[in-house]
Amino acid sequence: MILWHFATALFGFRWVFRDPEADLRWLLVGALGPDLVDMPVGTLIWAEVYSSGEIFGHTLIVTMAAGIMALLITRRHSRARRNAMVMMVGWLIHLLADGIWLQARVFWWPFWGWSFPSQDLPFWAGAWARAQADPWRWIAEGVGFWYLLVVVRRSERGSMDTLRRFLRTGRPA
């Protein structure tokens, strides 16, 4: 669910922080962060062990460790630290939007055991079956598409200059 994660991260960040100086490109990277970590690991590298797209990157401990590492390797008041924190906010919003706390074995790993839930089918083989069985995925993507469309249309009527500026600076205005 790419559009859903982009939209929830953008909405949540703009609603809570209201920071016009934030580079929203880092927010969007963070919004996909857990999936960017877990998809290759859980579906390609260790597919025979995990067969899941929700493993390490969807855990609270790995998320917090990544945030602490970002704080430790960046300097105070630097742009790099600011961008890393914006990315971590996107990462946390992803966990919230996934409702991952409802999967205690994943969210609280390793405190509730070292194993992750596994699926019957390999991840990619069962992807279409899961998508068809869960209408929430389609509704969430539709809501995400709608919200992003509203944001684009409100920013100077969705001009290409606004898009270029966003891609160059990370700020819509």
N, C-alpha and C. Protein backbone atom coordinates (compact mmCIF):
# COMPACT_ATOMS: atom_id res chain seq x y z
N MET A 1 0.84 -1.17 0.00
CA MET A 1 0.00 0.00 0.00
C MET A 1 0.89 1.25 0.00
N ILE A 2 1.26 1.68 -1.14
CA ILE A 2 2.19 2.80 -1.25
C ILE A 2 1.48 4.14 -1.06
N LEU A 3 0.40 4.37 -1.77
CA LEU A 3 -0.30 5.65 -1.68
C LEU A 3 -0.87 5.88 -0.28
N TRP A 4 -1.37 4.82 0.34
CA TRP A 4 -1.89 4.91 1.70
C TRP A 4 -0.80 5.37 2.67
N HIS A 5 0.39 4.79 2.56
CA HIS A 5 1.47 5.17 3.46
C HIS A 5 1.97 6.59 3.18
N PHE A 6 2.07 6.97 1.92
CA PHE A 6 2.45 8.35 1.60
C PHE A 6 1.43 9.33 2.18
N ALA A 7 0.16 9.05 1.96
CA ALA A 7 -0.89 9.97 2.40
C ALA A 7 -0.97 10.06 3.92
N THR A 8 -0.91 8.93 4.62
CA THR A 8 -0.99 8.99 6.08
C THR A 8 0.22 9.70 6.67
N ALA A 9 1.40 9.47 6.11
CA ALA A 9 2.60 10.15 6.61
C ALA A 9 2.50 11.65 6.38
N LEU A 10 2.10 12.04 5.19
CA LEU A 10 1.98 13.46 4.87
C LEU A 10 0.91 14.13 5.73
N PHE A 11 -0.25 13.50 5.84
CA PHE A 11 -1.32 14.06 6.65
C PHE A 11 -0.90 14.16 8.12
N GLY A 12 -0.37 13.07 8.66
CA GLY A 12 0.03 13.05 10.07
C GLY A 12 1.11 14.06 10.37
N PHE A 13 2.10 14.16 9.52
CA PHE A 13 3.20 15.09 9.75
C PHE A 13 2.71 16.53 9.67
N ARG A 14 1.92 16.82 8.66
CA ARG A 14 1.43 18.19 8.49
C ARG A 14 0.48 18.59 9.62
N TRP A 15 -0.28 17.63 10.13
CA TRP A 15 -1.24 17.91 11.17
C TRP A 15 -0.55 18.11 12.52
N VAL A 16 0.42 17.26 12.85
CA VAL A 16 1.06 17.32 14.16
C VAL A 16 2.19 18.35 14.20
N PHE A 17 3.08 18.32 13.23
CA PHE A 17 4.29 19.15 13.31
C PHE A 17 4.17 20.51 12.64
N ARG A 18 3.46 20.58 11.55
CA ARG A 18 3.28 21.85 10.83
C ARG A 18 4.61 22.57 10.61
N ASP A 19 5.58 21.85 10.11
CA ASP A 19 6.94 22.37 9.93
C ASP A 19 7.16 22.68 8.45
N PRO A 20 7.14 23.96 8.05
CA PRO A 20 7.31 24.30 6.64
C PRO A 20 8.73 24.10 6.14
N GLU A 21 9.70 23.94 7.03
CA GLU A 21 11.09 23.77 6.63
C GLU A 21 11.49 22.31 6.44
N ALA A 22 10.63 21.38 6.80
CA ALA A 22 10.96 19.95 6.71
C ALA A 22 11.06 19.51 5.26
N ASP A 23 12.02 18.65 4.99
CA ASP A 23 12.19 18.06 3.66
C ASP A 23 11.28 16.83 3.59
N LEU A 24 10.15 16.99 2.94
CA LEU A 24 9.14 15.93 2.91
C LEU A 24 9.55 14.72 2.08
N ARG A 25 10.60 14.84 1.29
CA ARG A 25 11.11 13.67 0.56
C ARG A 25 11.57 12.62 1.56
N TRP A 26 12.21 13.05 2.66
CA TRP A 26 12.66 12.12 3.69
C TRP A 26 11.48 11.50 4.42
N LEU A 27 10.40 12.26 4.58
CA LEU A 27 9.20 11.73 5.20
C LEU A 27 8.64 10.58 4.35
N LEU A 28 8.62 10.77 3.04
CA LEU A 28 8.09 9.74 2.15
C LEU A 28 8.99 8.51 2.11
N VAL A 29 10.30 8.71 2.20
CA VAL A 29 11.21 7.57 2.29
C VAL A 29 10.93 6.79 3.58
N GLY A 30 10.76 7.51 4.68
CA GLY A 30 10.44 6.86 5.94
C GLY A 30 9.10 6.16 5.92
N ALA A 31 8.14 6.74 5.19
CA ALA A 31 6.82 6.12 5.09
C ALA A 31 6.87 4.76 4.42
N LEU A 32 7.88 4.54 3.59
CA LEU A 32 8.06 3.23 2.97
C LEU A 32 9.17 2.42 3.63
N GLY A 33 9.84 3.01 4.62
CA GLY A 33 10.99 2.39 5.26
C GLY A 33 10.80 0.95 5.72
N PRO A 34 9.77 0.66 6.52
CA PRO A 34 9.61 -0.73 6.97
C PRO A 34 9.47 -1.72 5.81
N ASP A 35 8.77 -1.32 4.77
CA ASP A 35 8.62 -2.22 3.62
C ASP A 35 9.91 -2.31 2.81
N LEU A 36 10.67 -1.21 2.74
CA LEU A 36 11.95 -1.25 2.03
C LEU A 36 12.95 -2.17 2.73
N VAL A 37 12.82 -2.32 4.03
CA VAL A 37 13.68 -3.24 4.79
C VAL A 37 13.14 -4.67 4.68
N ASP A 38 11.85 -4.83 4.93
CA ASP A 38 11.29 -6.18 5.08
C ASP A 38 11.02 -6.91 3.78
N MET A 39 10.68 -6.21 2.74
CA MET A 39 10.38 -6.91 1.48
C MET A 39 11.59 -7.69 0.96
N PRO A 40 12.76 -7.07 0.84
CA PRO A 40 13.90 -7.86 0.38
C PRO A 40 14.31 -8.96 1.36
N VAL A 41 14.30 -8.64 2.65
CA VAL A 41 14.73 -9.63 3.65
C VAL A 41 13.74 -10.78 3.76
N GLY A 42 12.47 -10.45 3.90
CA GLY A 42 11.45 -11.48 4.16
C GLY A 42 10.96 -12.22 2.94
N THR A 43 11.15 -11.65 1.76
CA THR A 43 10.61 -12.31 0.57
C THR A 43 11.67 -12.78 -0.41
N LEU A 44 12.88 -12.27 -0.30
CA LEU A 44 13.92 -12.68 -1.23
C LEU A 44 15.09 -13.38 -0.52
N ILE A 45 15.65 -12.73 0.48
CA ILE A 45 16.84 -13.27 1.13
C ILE A 45 16.51 -14.48 1.99
N TRP A 46 15.53 -14.33 2.90
CA TRP A 46 15.16 -15.43 3.79
C TRP A 46 13.73 -15.88 3.54
N ALA A 47 13.37 -16.03 2.28
CA ALA A 47 11.99 -16.38 1.92
C ALA A 47 11.57 -17.72 2.49
N GLU A 48 12.49 -18.68 2.54
CA GLU A 48 12.12 -20.00 3.06
C GLU A 48 11.93 -19.99 4.57
N VAL A 49 12.48 -18.99 5.26
CA VAL A 49 12.36 -18.91 6.71
C VAL A 49 11.15 -18.07 7.11
N TYR A 50 11.00 -16.89 6.50
CA TYR A 50 9.98 -15.95 6.96
C TYR A 50 8.73 -15.90 6.10
N SER A 51 8.87 -15.84 4.80
CA SER A 51 7.74 -15.77 3.90
C SER A 51 6.75 -14.67 4.31
N SER A 52 7.27 -13.52 4.66
CA SER A 52 6.42 -12.43 5.11
C SER A 52 7.03 -11.09 4.73
N GLY A 53 6.17 -10.11 4.59
CA GLY A 53 6.62 -8.76 4.31
C GLY A 53 6.64 -7.90 5.56
N GLU A 54 6.33 -8.49 6.71
CA GLU A 54 6.31 -7.75 7.97
C GLU A 54 7.16 -8.47 9.00
N ILE A 55 8.44 -8.10 9.02
CA ILE A 55 9.33 -8.72 10.01
C ILE A 55 10.12 -7.61 10.70
N PHE A 56 11.42 -7.59 10.60
CA PHE A 56 12.27 -6.70 11.39
C PHE A 56 11.92 -5.23 11.27
N GLY A 57 11.71 -4.72 10.09
CA GLY A 57 11.44 -3.30 9.90
C GLY A 57 10.13 -2.85 10.51
N HIS A 58 9.23 -3.79 10.80
CA HIS A 58 7.95 -3.46 11.40
C HIS A 58 7.96 -3.62 12.92
N THR A 59 9.13 -3.84 13.50
CA THR A 59 9.21 -3.99 14.95
C THR A 59 9.54 -2.66 15.60
N LEU A 60 9.06 -2.48 16.82
CA LEU A 60 9.32 -1.24 17.53
C LEU A 60 10.79 -1.12 17.89
N ILE A 61 11.43 -2.21 18.26
CA ILE A 61 12.83 -2.14 18.70
C ILE A 61 13.76 -1.76 17.55
N VAL A 62 13.53 -2.28 16.36
CA VAL A 62 14.37 -1.92 15.21
C VAL A 62 14.12 -0.47 14.81
N THR A 63 12.88 -0.04 14.88
CA THR A 63 12.55 1.35 14.57
C THR A 63 13.24 2.30 15.54
N MET A 64 13.16 1.98 16.82
CA MET A 64 13.81 2.82 17.83
C MET A 64 15.33 2.78 17.69
N ALA A 65 15.88 1.62 17.39
CA ALA A 65 17.33 1.50 17.21
C ALA A 65 17.79 2.35 16.02
N ALA A 66 17.02 2.35 14.94
CA ALA A 66 17.36 3.16 13.78
C ALA A 66 17.31 4.65 14.13
N GLY A 67 16.32 5.06 14.91
CA GLY A 67 16.22 6.45 15.33
C GLY A 67 17.37 6.86 16.24
N ILE A 68 17.74 5.98 17.15
CA ILE A 68 18.86 6.27 18.05
C ILE A 68 20.17 6.33 17.27
N MET A 69 20.34 5.42 16.32
CA MET A 69 21.55 5.45 15.47
C MET A 69 21.62 6.76 14.71
N ALA A 70 20.49 7.20 14.19
CA ALA A 70 20.47 8.48 13.45
C ALA A 70 20.89 9.63 14.36
N LEU A 71 20.44 9.61 15.60
CA LEU A 71 20.83 10.65 16.54
C LEU A 71 22.32 10.59 16.88
N LEU A 72 22.84 9.37 17.00
CA LEU A 72 24.24 9.21 17.38
C LEU A 72 25.22 9.59 16.27
N ILE A 73 24.84 9.36 15.02
CA ILE A 73 25.79 9.61 13.93
C ILE A 73 25.64 10.97 13.27
N THR A 74 24.65 11.74 13.70
CA THR A 74 24.48 13.07 13.13
C THR A 74 24.75 14.13 14.20
N ARG A 75 25.12 15.31 13.75
CA ARG A 75 25.41 16.41 14.67
C ARG A 75 24.14 17.18 15.01
N ARG A 76 24.13 17.73 16.20
CA ARG A 76 23.00 18.56 16.61
C ARG A 76 22.80 19.73 15.66
N HIS A 77 21.55 20.04 15.44
CA HIS A 77 21.15 21.18 14.61
C HIS A 77 21.63 21.07 13.16
N SER A 78 22.00 19.89 12.73
CA SER A 78 22.42 19.73 11.33
C SER A 78 21.22 19.33 10.48
N ARG A 79 21.34 19.60 9.20
CA ARG A 79 20.29 19.22 8.26
C ARG A 79 20.14 17.71 8.21
N ALA A 80 21.26 16.99 8.32
CA ALA A 80 21.22 15.53 8.29
C ALA A 80 20.40 14.97 9.45
N ARG A 81 20.57 15.55 10.64
CA ARG A 81 19.78 15.08 11.80
C ARG A 81 18.31 15.40 11.60
N ARG A 82 18.04 16.58 11.11
CA ARG A 82 16.65 16.97 10.88
C ARG A 82 15.98 16.02 9.87
N ASN A 83 16.70 15.72 8.79
CA ASN A 83 16.15 14.82 7.78
C ASN A 83 15.97 13.41 8.33
N ALA A 84 16.93 12.96 9.14
CA ALA A 84 16.81 11.62 9.73
C ALA A 84 15.61 11.54 10.66
N MET A 85 15.36 12.59 11.42
CA MET A 85 14.21 12.58 12.33
C MET A 85 12.90 12.65 11.55
N VAL A 86 12.87 13.40 10.47
CA VAL A 86 11.68 13.44 9.62
C VAL A 86 11.43 12.04 9.04
N MET A 87 12.50 11.37 8.63
CA MET A 87 12.35 10.01 8.10
C MET A 87 11.82 9.05 9.18
N MET A 88 12.30 9.19 10.41
CA MET A 88 11.83 8.31 11.48
C MET A 88 10.36 8.58 11.81
N VAL A 89 9.92 9.81 11.70
CA VAL A 89 8.50 10.10 11.90
C VAL A 89 7.68 9.38 10.83
N GLY A 90 8.14 9.42 9.58
CA GLY A 90 7.45 8.69 8.52
C GLY A 90 7.42 7.20 8.79
N TRP A 91 8.51 6.66 9.31
CA TRP A 91 8.61 5.23 9.65
C TRP A 91 7.58 4.87 10.73
N LEU A 92 7.51 5.69 11.77
CA LEU A 92 6.55 5.42 12.85
C LEU A 92 5.10 5.56 12.37
N ILE A 93 4.85 6.52 11.51
CA ILE A 93 3.50 6.66 10.96
C ILE A 93 3.15 5.44 10.12
N HIS A 94 4.12 4.86 9.42
CA HIS A 94 3.89 3.63 8.66
C HIS A 94 3.41 2.52 9.60
N LEU A 95 4.09 2.36 10.73
CA LEU A 95 3.68 1.33 11.69
C LEU A 95 2.27 1.59 12.19
N LEU A 96 1.96 2.85 12.45
CA LEU A 96 0.63 3.21 12.90
C LEU A 96 -0.41 2.91 11.82
N ALA A 97 -0.12 3.30 10.58
CA ALA A 97 -1.07 3.10 9.48
C ALA A 97 -1.27 1.62 9.16
N ASP A 98 -0.26 0.80 9.41
CA ASP A 98 -0.40 -0.65 9.21
C ASP A 98 -1.18 -1.31 10.33
N GLY A 99 -1.32 -0.64 11.45
CA GLY A 99 -1.95 -1.27 12.61
C GLY A 99 -1.10 -2.43 13.12
N ILE A 100 0.20 -2.28 13.02
CA ILE A 100 1.11 -3.39 13.32
C ILE A 100 1.09 -3.76 14.80
N TRP A 101 0.70 -2.83 15.66
CA TRP A 101 0.64 -3.15 17.09
C TRP A 101 -0.37 -4.26 17.37
N LEU A 102 -1.28 -4.51 16.45
CA LEU A 102 -2.24 -5.60 16.62
C LEU A 102 -1.59 -6.97 16.41
N GLN A 103 -0.43 -6.99 15.78
CA GLN A 103 0.35 -8.22 15.60
C GLN A 103 1.49 -8.19 16.62
N ALA A 104 1.18 -8.59 17.84
CA ALA A 104 2.12 -8.44 18.95
C ALA A 104 3.45 -9.15 18.69
N ARG A 105 3.42 -10.32 18.04
CA ARG A 105 4.68 -11.05 17.79
C ARG A 105 5.60 -10.28 16.85
N VAL A 106 5.05 -9.46 16.00
CA VAL A 106 5.88 -8.64 15.11
C VAL A 106 6.27 -7.34 15.83
N PHE A 107 5.29 -6.59 16.30
CA PHE A 107 5.54 -5.27 16.86
C PHE A 107 6.47 -5.32 18.07
N TRP A 108 6.26 -6.28 18.97
CA TRP A 108 7.05 -6.37 20.19
C TRP A 108 8.21 -7.35 20.09
N TRP A 109 8.57 -7.77 18.88
CA TRP A 109 9.70 -8.68 18.72
C TRP A 109 10.93 -8.03 19.33
N PRO A 110 11.76 -8.73 20.01
CA PRO A 110 11.81 -10.14 20.39
C PRO A 110 11.20 -10.43 21.76
N PHE A 111 10.49 -9.46 22.35
CA PHE A 111 9.97 -9.62 23.70
C PHE A 111 8.89 -10.70 23.81
N TRP A 112 8.19 -10.99 22.72
CA TRP A 112 7.15 -12.02 22.74
C TRP A 112 7.60 -13.26 21.99
N GLY A 113 8.87 -13.42 21.80
CA GLY A 113 9.42 -14.58 21.12
C GLY A 113 10.26 -14.16 19.94
N TRP A 114 11.16 -15.06 19.55
CA TRP A 114 12.11 -14.75 18.48
C TRP A 114 11.56 -15.00 17.08
N SER A 115 10.47 -15.72 16.98
CA SER A 115 9.94 -16.06 15.65
C SER A 115 8.92 -15.02 15.19
N PHE A 116 8.76 -14.95 13.88
CA PHE A 116 7.75 -14.09 13.28
C PHE A 116 6.64 -14.98 12.72
N PRO A 117 5.41 -14.46 12.65
CA PRO A 117 4.34 -15.24 12.01
C PRO A 117 4.69 -15.50 10.55
N SER A 118 4.39 -16.69 10.08
CA SER A 118 4.66 -17.06 8.69
C SER A 118 3.36 -17.36 7.99
N GLN A 119 3.36 -17.19 6.68
CA GLN A 119 2.17 -17.45 5.89
C GLN A 119 2.27 -18.82 5.23
N ASP A 120 1.12 -19.34 4.83
CA ASP A 120 1.10 -20.66 4.20
C ASP A 120 1.79 -20.65 2.84
N LEU A 121 1.50 -19.64 2.04
CA LEU A 121 2.10 -19.52 0.72
C LEU A 121 3.31 -18.61 0.78
N PRO A 122 4.25 -18.77 -0.15
CA PRO A 122 5.31 -17.77 -0.25
C PRO A 122 4.69 -16.38 -0.47
N PHE A 123 5.38 -15.35 -0.03
CA PHE A 123 4.81 -14.01 -0.02
C PHE A 123 4.27 -13.58 -1.38
N TRP A 124 5.11 -13.67 -2.42
CA TRP A 124 4.69 -13.16 -3.73
C TRP A 124 3.62 -14.04 -4.36
N ALA A 125 3.65 -15.33 -4.12
CA ALA A 125 2.63 -16.22 -4.67
C ALA A 125 1.26 -15.93 -4.05
N GLY A 126 1.23 -15.54 -2.78
CA GLY A 126 -0.03 -15.27 -2.11
C GLY A 126 -0.44 -13.82 -2.12
N ALA A 127 0.35 -12.95 -2.75
CA ALA A 127 0.07 -11.51 -2.71
C ALA A 127 -1.27 -11.17 -3.35
N TRP A 128 -1.55 -11.74 -4.51
CA TRP A 128 -2.80 -11.42 -5.19
C TRP A 128 -4.00 -11.98 -4.42
N ALA A 129 -3.85 -13.16 -3.85
CA ALA A 129 -4.94 -13.74 -3.05
C ALA A 129 -5.23 -12.87 -1.83
N ARG A 130 -4.19 -12.37 -1.16
CA ARG A 130 -4.39 -11.49 -0.01
C ARG A 130 -5.05 -10.18 -0.44
N ALA A 131 -4.64 -9.65 -1.57
CA ALA A 131 -5.21 -8.39 -2.06
C ALA A 131 -6.69 -8.55 -2.38
N GLN A 132 -7.07 -9.69 -2.93
CA GLN A 132 -8.48 -9.92 -3.26
C GLN A 132 -9.31 -10.18 -2.01
N ALA A 133 -8.71 -10.80 -1.01
CA ALA A 133 -9.46 -11.18 0.18
C ALA A 133 -9.66 -10.02 1.14
N ASP A 134 -8.90 -8.95 0.98
CA ASP A 134 -8.95 -7.84 1.93
C ASP A 134 -9.35 -6.54 1.23
N PRO A 135 -10.64 -6.19 1.25
CA PRO A 135 -11.07 -4.95 0.59
C PRO A 135 -10.49 -3.70 1.24
N TRP A 136 -10.06 -3.79 2.50
CA TRP A 136 -9.48 -2.63 3.17
C TRP A 136 -8.26 -2.12 2.42
N ARG A 137 -7.47 -3.01 1.83
CA ARG A 137 -6.29 -2.57 1.07
C ARG A 137 -6.69 -1.65 -0.07
N TRP A 138 -7.75 -2.01 -0.79
CA TRP A 138 -8.19 -1.21 -1.92
C TRP A 138 -8.80 0.11 -1.46
N ILE A 139 -9.55 0.06 -0.37
CA ILE A 139 -10.15 1.28 0.17
C ILE A 139 -9.06 2.23 0.65
N ALA A 140 -8.06 1.69 1.37
CA ALA A 140 -6.97 2.51 1.88
C ALA A 140 -6.19 3.15 0.73
N GLU A 141 -5.89 2.40 -0.31
CA GLU A 141 -5.18 2.97 -1.46
C GLU A 141 -6.02 4.06 -2.13
N GLY A 142 -7.33 3.84 -2.21
CA GLY A 142 -8.21 4.86 -2.79
C GLY A 142 -8.23 6.13 -1.96
N VAL A 143 -8.28 5.99 -0.64
CA VAL A 143 -8.24 7.16 0.25
C VAL A 143 -6.89 7.86 0.10
N GLY A 144 -5.83 7.10 0.05
CA GLY A 144 -4.49 7.68 -0.13
C GLY A 144 -4.39 8.44 -1.44
N PHE A 145 -4.89 7.84 -2.52
CA PHE A 145 -4.87 8.50 -3.83
C PHE A 145 -5.66 9.80 -3.78
N TRP A 146 -6.85 9.76 -3.17
CA TRP A 146 -7.70 10.95 -3.07
C TRP A 146 -6.98 12.05 -2.29
N TYR A 147 -6.39 11.73 -1.12
CA TYR A 147 -5.73 12.75 -0.31
C TYR A 147 -4.55 13.37 -1.06
N LEU A 148 -3.74 12.54 -1.69
CA LEU A 148 -2.59 13.07 -2.42
C LEU A 148 -3.04 13.94 -3.59
N LEU A 149 -4.12 13.56 -4.24
CA LEU A 149 -4.67 14.37 -5.32
C LEU A 149 -5.14 15.73 -4.80
N VAL A 150 -5.78 15.75 -3.65
CA VAL A 150 -6.23 17.02 -3.05
C VAL A 150 -5.02 17.90 -2.72
N VAL A 151 -3.98 17.31 -2.15
CA VAL A 151 -2.77 18.07 -1.80
C VAL A 151 -2.15 18.68 -3.05
N VAL A 152 -2.04 17.89 -4.10
CA VAL A 152 -1.44 18.38 -5.34
C VAL A 152 -2.29 19.48 -5.95
N ARG A 153 -3.59 19.31 -5.98
CA ARG A 153 -4.46 20.31 -6.59
C ARG A 153 -4.48 21.61 -5.81
N ARG A 154 -4.31 21.54 -4.49
CA ARG A 154 -4.31 22.76 -3.67
C ARG A 154 -3.00 23.52 -3.75
N SER A 155 -1.95 22.84 -4.13
CA SER A 155 -0.65 23.53 -4.20
C SER A 155 -0.48 24.14 -5.59
N GLU A 156 -0.92 25.36 -5.73
CA GLU A 156 -0.83 26.11 -6.99
C GLU A 156 -1.42 25.34 -8.16
N ARG A 157 -2.56 24.75 -7.90
CA ARG A 157 -3.31 24.02 -8.92
C ARG A 157 -2.50 22.90 -9.59
N GLY A 158 -1.63 22.27 -8.83
CA GLY A 158 -0.91 21.10 -9.33
C GLY A 158 0.01 21.39 -10.49
N SER A 159 0.63 22.56 -10.50
CA SER A 159 1.49 22.90 -11.63
C SER A 159 2.75 22.04 -11.65
N MET A 160 3.33 21.89 -12.81
CA MET A 160 4.57 21.13 -12.95
C MET A 160 5.72 21.83 -12.24
N ASP A 161 5.68 23.16 -12.15
CA ASP A 161 6.72 23.88 -11.41
C ASP A 161 6.71 23.50 -9.94
N THR A 162 5.51 23.32 -9.38
CA THR A 162 5.39 22.91 -7.98
C THR A 162 5.97 21.52 -7.79
N LEU A 163 5.68 20.62 -8.71
CA LEU A 163 6.23 19.27 -8.63
C LEU A 163 7.75 19.29 -8.74
N ARG A 164 8.27 20.06 -9.68
CA ARG A 164 9.73 20.16 -9.82
C ARG A 164 10.37 20.74 -8.57
N ARG A 165 9.74 21.76 -8.00
CA ARG A 165 10.24 22.37 -6.77
C ARG A 165 10.24 21.36 -5.63
N PHE A 166 9.18 20.57 -5.54
CA PHE A 166 9.11 19.54 -4.49
C PHE A 166 10.22 18.51 -4.68
N LEU A 167 10.41 18.04 -5.89
CA LEU A 167 11.45 17.04 -6.14
C LEU A 167 12.86 17.60 -5.89
N ARG A 168 13.03 18.90 -6.10
CA ARG A 168 14.34 19.53 -5.91
C ARG A 168 14.61 19.88 -4.45
N THR A 169 13.58 20.37 -3.72
CA THR A 169 13.79 20.88 -2.37
C THR A 169 13.13 20.07 -1.27
N GLY A 170 12.11 19.29 -1.62
CA GLY A 170 11.37 18.55 -0.61
C GLY A 170 10.26 19.35 0.03
N ARG A 171 10.01 20.53 -0.51
CA ARG A 171 8.95 21.39 0.02
C ARG A 171 7.97 21.73 -1.11
N PRO A 172 6.68 21.67 -0.82
CA PRO A 172 5.70 21.93 -1.88
C PRO A 172 5.61 23.41 -2.26
N ALA A 173 5.98 24.31 -1.37
CA ALA A 173 5.85 25.73 -1.71
C ALA A 173 7.16 26.47 -1.55
